[in-house]
Protein backbone atom coordinates (compact mmCIF):
# COMPACT_ATOMS: atom_id res chain seq x y z
CA MET A 1 7.63 -9.63 46.39
CA ALA A 2 6.96 -8.38 42.89
CA ASP A 3 9.94 -7.87 40.62
CA GLN A 4 10.91 -4.25 40.29
CA LYS A 5 11.73 -2.83 36.87
CA ASP A 6 15.34 -2.15 36.14
CA PRO A 7 15.69 1.67 36.51
CA VAL A 8 18.44 1.78 33.87
CA GLU A 9 16.31 -0.12 31.36
CA GLN A 10 13.29 2.02 32.17
CA THR A 11 15.30 5.22 31.69
CA GLU A 12 16.61 3.94 28.34
CA LYS A 13 13.08 3.16 27.14
CA GLN A 14 11.88 6.62 28.16
CA SER A 15 14.83 8.18 26.36
CA ASN A 16 14.09 6.23 23.17
CA THR A 17 10.43 7.22 23.35
CA LEU A 18 11.36 10.90 23.63
CA LYS A 19 13.77 10.56 20.69
CA ARG A 20 11.02 9.04 18.54
CA GLN A 21 8.58 11.76 19.53
CA ALA A 22 11.10 14.52 18.74
CA TYR A 23 11.97 12.94 15.41
CA ARG A 24 8.33 12.55 14.38
CA GLN A 25 7.62 16.14 15.40
CA LYS A 26 10.47 17.34 13.19
CA GLN A 27 9.20 15.19 10.31
CA GLU A 28 5.72 16.64 10.78
CA GLU A 29 7.16 20.15 10.54
CA ASN A 30 9.04 19.21 7.36
CA ARG A 31 5.89 17.64 5.96
CA LYS A 32 3.83 20.78 6.54
CA LYS A 33 6.58 22.98 5.16
CA LEU A 34 6.85 20.97 1.94
CA LYS A 35 3.08 20.86 1.49
CA GLU A 36 2.70 24.59 2.03
CA THR A 37 5.62 25.80 -0.07
CA ARG A 38 5.81 22.81 -2.44
CA PHE A 39 9.61 22.57 -2.30
CA ASP A 40 12.08 24.66 -0.37
CA GLU A 41 15.14 25.04 -2.57
CA SER A 42 17.39 25.42 0.47
CA ALA A 43 16.05 22.39 2.31
CA GLU A 44 18.07 19.19 2.38
CA ILE A 45 15.55 16.44 2.94
CA LYS A 46 16.79 13.01 3.93
CA LEU A 47 14.81 9.80 3.72
CA PRO A 48 12.98 8.98 6.97
CA GLN A 49 14.29 6.32 9.32
CA LYS A 50 11.98 3.43 10.13
CA ARG A 51 13.08 3.07 13.72
CA TYR A 52 11.26 6.29 14.56
CA TYR A 53 7.95 4.95 13.24
CA ARG A 54 7.39 2.01 15.54
CA GLN A 55 4.05 0.27 15.06
CA ARG A 56 2.50 -3.09 15.78
CA ALA A 57 2.96 -5.49 12.88
CA HIS A 58 -0.78 -6.07 12.39
CA SER A 59 -3.98 -4.11 12.82
CA ASN A 60 -7.54 -5.37 13.28
CA PRO A 61 -9.39 -4.42 10.07
CA PHE A 62 -12.74 -4.67 11.84
CA SER A 63 -11.91 -2.13 14.55
CA ASP A 64 -13.18 1.43 14.48
CA HIS A 65 -10.05 3.30 13.43
CA GLN A 66 -11.80 6.68 13.03
CA LEU A 67 -10.79 6.80 9.41
CA GLU A 68 -11.66 9.58 7.00
CA TYR A 69 -13.12 8.60 3.66
CA PRO A 70 -15.19 10.31 0.93
CA ILE A 71 -18.91 9.69 0.58
CA SER A 72 -18.24 8.65 -3.01
CA PRO A 73 -15.24 8.61 -5.39
CA ASP A 74 -16.51 11.81 -7.03
CA GLU A 75 -15.89 13.63 -3.73
CA MET A 76 -12.20 12.72 -3.68
CA ASP A 77 -9.76 15.55 -4.47
CA TRP A 78 -6.75 13.75 -5.90
CA SER A 79 -4.86 16.99 -6.59
CA LYS A 80 -3.81 17.06 -2.93
CA HIS A 81 -2.07 13.73 -3.43
CA TYR A 82 -0.67 14.38 -6.92
CA PRO A 83 -0.03 18.15 -7.21
CA ASP A 84 1.94 17.79 -10.46
CA ALA A 85 -0.51 15.48 -12.23
CA SER A 86 -2.24 16.58 -15.42
CA PRO A 87 -5.96 17.40 -15.46
CA GLU A 88 -6.54 14.21 -17.45
CA GLN A 89 -4.75 12.11 -14.84
CA LEU A 90 -6.64 13.75 -11.99
CA ALA A 91 -9.94 13.19 -13.76
CA LYS A 92 -9.15 9.47 -13.94
CA GLY A 93 -7.68 9.29 -10.47
CA PRO A 94 -5.29 6.50 -9.44
CA THR A 95 -5.41 3.48 -11.71
CA VAL A 96 -2.99 1.34 -9.70
CA ALA A 97 -3.60 0.41 -6.06
CA ASP A 98 -1.26 -1.22 -3.56
CA ILE A 99 -3.52 -2.54 -0.78
CA GLY A 100 -1.68 -2.74 2.53
CA CYS A 101 1.35 -0.98 1.08
CA GLY A 102 3.47 -1.31 4.22
CA PHE A 103 6.56 0.89 4.14
CA GLY A 104 6.14 1.79 0.48
CA GLY A 105 8.79 -0.34 -1.21
CA LEU A 106 6.48 -1.37 -4.04
CA LEU A 107 5.17 2.18 -4.52
CA THR A 108 8.61 3.70 -4.94
CA ALA A 109 9.72 0.91 -7.29
CA LEU A 110 6.59 1.13 -9.45
CA SER A 111 6.82 4.92 -9.77
CA PRO A 112 9.50 5.05 -12.51
CA ALA A 113 8.18 1.87 -14.15
CA LEU A 114 4.63 3.26 -14.53
CA LYS A 115 5.40 6.93 -15.08
CA GLU A 116 2.08 7.76 -16.75
CA LYS A 117 -0.04 6.10 -14.06
CA LEU A 118 -1.17 7.52 -10.74
CA ILE A 119 -0.40 4.93 -8.07
CA LEU A 120 -2.02 4.86 -4.62
CA GLY A 121 -0.96 2.96 -1.53
CA MET A 122 -3.52 2.21 1.17
CA GLU A 123 -2.27 1.40 4.67
CA ILE A 124 -4.27 1.10 7.89
CA ARG A 125 -1.46 1.62 10.42
CA VAL A 126 -0.91 5.24 11.47
CA GLN A 127 2.86 5.39 11.90
CA VAL A 128 3.54 3.24 8.85
CA THR A 129 1.38 5.60 6.77
CA ASN A 130 3.25 8.60 8.19
CA TYR A 131 6.54 6.96 7.24
CA VAL A 132 5.41 6.46 3.63
CA VAL A 133 4.16 10.06 3.43
CA ASP A 134 7.54 11.32 4.63
CA ARG A 135 9.38 8.94 2.32
CA ILE A 136 7.46 10.15 -0.73
CA LEU A 137 7.90 13.82 0.17
CA ALA A 138 11.63 13.30 0.66
CA LEU A 139 11.96 11.48 -2.67
CA ARG A 140 10.05 14.24 -4.45
CA GLN A 141 12.35 16.82 -2.91
CA GLN A 142 15.45 14.86 -3.90
CA HIS A 143 14.16 14.50 -7.50
CA LYS A 144 12.46 17.88 -7.88
CA ASP A 145 14.44 18.67 -11.04
CA THR A 146 12.77 15.79 -12.86
CA ASN A 147 9.44 15.75 -10.98
CA GLY A 148 10.27 12.25 -9.85
CA TYR A 149 7.87 10.29 -7.66
CA GLY A 150 5.04 12.74 -8.29
CA ASN A 151 2.82 9.87 -9.46
CA ILE A 152 2.70 8.00 -6.14
CA SER A 153 0.87 8.75 -2.93
CA VAL A 154 -0.51 7.04 0.15
CA LEU A 155 -3.51 7.42 2.40
CA ARG A 156 -4.56 5.82 5.62
CA GLY A 157 -7.54 3.69 4.81
CA ASN A 158 -9.26 0.35 5.27
CA ALA A 159 -9.75 -1.25 1.86
CA MET A 160 -11.86 -4.02 3.39
CA LYS A 161 -14.50 -1.48 4.39
CA PHE A 162 -14.18 1.53 2.12
CA LEU A 163 -12.67 0.55 -1.24
CA PRO A 164 -15.80 1.62 -3.23
CA ASN A 165 -15.67 5.02 -1.52
CA PHE A 166 -12.37 5.78 -3.25
CA PHE A 167 -12.59 4.03 -6.63
CA ARG A 168 -15.27 4.23 -9.30
CA LYS A 169 -16.48 1.21 -11.23
CA GLY A 170 -13.70 0.04 -13.57
CA GLN A 171 -11.28 2.75 -12.44
CA LEU A 172 -8.35 0.50 -11.59
CA GLU A 173 -6.01 -1.30 -13.95
CA LYS A 174 -3.89 -3.08 -11.34
CA ILE A 175 -4.40 -4.13 -7.71
CA PHE A 176 -1.52 -5.49 -5.63
CA PHE A 177 -1.76 -7.68 -2.53
CA CYS A 178 1.83 -8.14 -1.38
CA PHE A 179 2.52 -10.34 1.63
CA PRO A 180 -0.84 -9.68 3.33
CA ASP A 181 -1.50 -10.71 6.92
CA PRO A 182 -2.05 -14.50 6.78
CA HIS A 183 -4.43 -14.63 9.79
CA PHE A 184 -3.45 -18.22 10.51
CA LYS A 185 -6.25 -19.10 12.93
CA GLN A 186 -9.40 -20.36 11.23
CA ARG A 187 -11.64 -17.97 13.15
CA LYS A 188 -9.53 -15.12 11.73
CA HIS A 189 -9.85 -16.20 8.10
CA LYS A 190 -12.71 -13.72 7.64
CA ALA A 191 -10.11 -10.96 8.07
CA ARG A 192 -8.04 -12.10 5.09
CA ILE A 193 -7.83 -9.53 2.31
CA VAL A 194 -9.03 -11.99 -0.35
CA THR A 195 -12.50 -13.40 0.35
CA THR A 196 -15.61 -14.19 -1.65
CA THR A 197 -17.25 -10.90 -0.65
CA LEU A 198 -14.20 -8.72 -1.19
CA ASN A 199 -13.46 -10.27 -4.57
CA ALA A 200 -16.75 -8.85 -5.81
CA GLU A 201 -15.55 -5.37 -4.80
CA TYR A 202 -12.22 -5.89 -6.56
CA ALA A 203 -14.07 -6.97 -9.70
CA TYR A 204 -16.18 -3.82 -9.42
CA ALA A 205 -13.18 -1.48 -9.11
CA LEU A 206 -11.08 -3.24 -11.80
CA ALA A 207 -11.62 -2.52 -15.47
CA PRO A 208 -11.97 -5.55 -17.79
CA GLY A 209 -8.44 -6.63 -18.61
CA GLY A 210 -7.14 -5.35 -15.28
CA ILE A 211 -4.83 -7.50 -13.16
CA VAL A 212 -4.89 -8.68 -9.55
CA TYR A 213 -1.35 -9.40 -8.32
CA THR A 214 -0.82 -11.58 -5.24
CA ILE A 215 2.37 -12.69 -3.53
CA THR A 216 2.98 -14.32 -0.14
CA ASP A 217 5.51 -16.48 1.63
CA VAL A 218 2.73 -18.52 3.29
CA GLU A 219 1.68 -21.44 1.09
CA ASP A 220 -1.65 -21.91 2.88
CA LEU A 221 -2.58 -18.27 2.25
CA HIS A 222 -1.46 -18.59 -1.37
CA ASN A 223 -3.75 -21.58 -1.86
CA TRP A 224 -6.58 -19.70 -0.15
CA MET A 225 -6.23 -16.66 -2.43
CA VAL A 226 -6.00 -18.82 -5.55
CA GLU A 227 -9.03 -20.86 -4.56
CA HIS A 228 -11.21 -17.82 -3.83
CA LEU A 229 -10.17 -15.84 -6.91
CA GLU A 230 -10.60 -18.86 -9.20
CA LYS A 231 -14.13 -19.33 -7.90
CA HIS A 232 -15.11 -15.81 -8.94
CA PRO A 233 -16.61 -15.81 -12.46
CA LEU A 234 -14.90 -12.53 -13.43
CA PHE A 235 -11.33 -13.62 -12.67
CA GLU A 236 -9.08 -15.93 -14.64
CA ARG A 237 -5.64 -16.99 -13.49
CA LEU A 238 -2.76 -16.03 -15.74
CA SER A 239 -0.02 -18.47 -16.70
CA LYS A 240 3.45 -18.77 -15.23
CA GLU A 241 4.80 -17.76 -18.64
CA TRP A 242 2.85 -14.50 -18.40
CA GLU A 243 4.18 -13.87 -14.89
CA GLU A 244 7.75 -14.38 -16.03
CA GLN A 245 7.33 -11.70 -18.72
CA ASP A 246 5.51 -9.10 -16.63
CA GLU A 247 7.66 -6.26 -15.27
CA CYS A 248 5.34 -5.60 -12.31
CA VAL A 249 5.66 -9.20 -11.14
CA LYS A 250 9.45 -8.83 -11.12
CA ILE A 251 9.18 -5.60 -9.13
CA MET A 252 6.66 -7.08 -6.70
CA THR A 253 8.91 -10.09 -6.10
CA THR A 254 12.05 -8.12 -5.24
CA GLU A 255 11.21 -4.61 -4.04
CA THR A 256 8.85 -4.90 -1.07
CA GLU A 257 10.30 -4.91 2.44
CA GLU A 258 8.67 -8.25 3.20
CA GLY A 259 9.95 -9.70 -0.07
CA LYS A 260 13.50 -8.67 0.78
CA LYS A 261 13.14 -10.20 4.24
CA VAL A 262 11.94 -13.48 2.74
CA SER A 263 14.91 -13.47 0.36
CA ARG A 264 17.34 -12.87 3.21
CA ASN A 265 15.82 -15.79 5.10
CA LYS A 266 15.89 -17.92 1.95
CA GLY A 267 12.14 -18.46 2.12
CA SER A 268 9.70 -19.25 -0.68
CA LYS A 269 7.52 -16.76 -2.54
CA TYR A 270 4.21 -17.85 -3.98
CA ILE A 271 2.78 -15.75 -6.81
CA ALA A 272 -0.60 -15.78 -8.52
CA CYS A 273 -1.99 -13.19 -10.94
CA PHE A 274 -5.54 -12.96 -12.21
CA LYS A 275 -7.06 -11.13 -15.16
CA ARG A 276 -10.37 -9.33 -14.82
CA LEU A 277 -12.63 -10.76 -17.52
CA GLU A 278 -15.13 -8.87 -19.65
CA ASN A 279 -18.58 -8.34 -18.20
CA PRO A 280 -21.20 -10.85 -19.37
CA ASP A 281 -23.46 -9.81 -22.26
CA TRP A 282 -26.54 -9.67 -20.06
CA GLU A 283 -25.12 -6.98 -17.77
C-alpha cells in the first residue's frame, strides 16, 4: 500500500503557497504603482522578503527560457531602468555588469561606491530577478530625497547567450562573476560562466583597462577560471597587492549573499582579477 501524504503537512504547504502568491501579487501591484507614478509620497515601502521568492538554486543556461533581448545594443532603452540618469549616462549605458547577480547584494553595495556609474545586474531566474527589482524599487523609495540607488538596475537575461545584444564593443569597465555555479560534473563544465568562447565575448564588451572580477568558494572552479582567463591574450591577471587596494574587491568579498554565507560557515574565498589589455596594433 502506497504511503499517503500527511493531510496536515499538505494543508500547510498549500497555505504557504497561497501566502507566497498573495505576497508576490501585492509586490507586483507596488511595482506597477511605483513605475507609473515614480514615487508615491504617502507610500511606505518595505524591503521585500526572500522567503516569498522561492526558486531553484540553479538554472540550465542552455534551456529556452523565452527571454526578451534587443536585436542590438542600440535598440536598448536604458531610461526605463535608470529614470533619473543623465542623458550622457544613458548614451553610454551601463558600464558595470554583475553577471548572475543573485539577490542583489553586490548591486546595492556598489551603488553608493560607484555613484557616477550605471550598474546592471543580469539574472536568469525569474523569482530572484523579481526580488531584486522589488528590492531596488523599495530602496529608491526609501532614499527618494537623495535619489539613492538610481544607478542600479536588473534584468532577466542569459549572459552566456545574449551578452553582445546588450553591450556595445568596449562599453563595460567592470564585469563581476561572484560565486558562479561551479557545475562540478565534467560533462557540465561547458555551462561554466568562464570558458574560452565566452572570454572572447567579455574581451569584446570590456574597454581596454577594464577589469574582470571573479570570486568563488570552490577552489577547482577558481583554478578553472584563472587558467582560462590567463590563456586569453587580452587578459592579464592583477597582483594580490592590487586586489588588496581595490575597493570593489573588498565589497565583492563581503557584501554578496553567498559571500556572507561562506563567511558564516568559515569557508575559503578565492579571488582573481584580470585587466583587459590594449588591442594589438594590427587590429
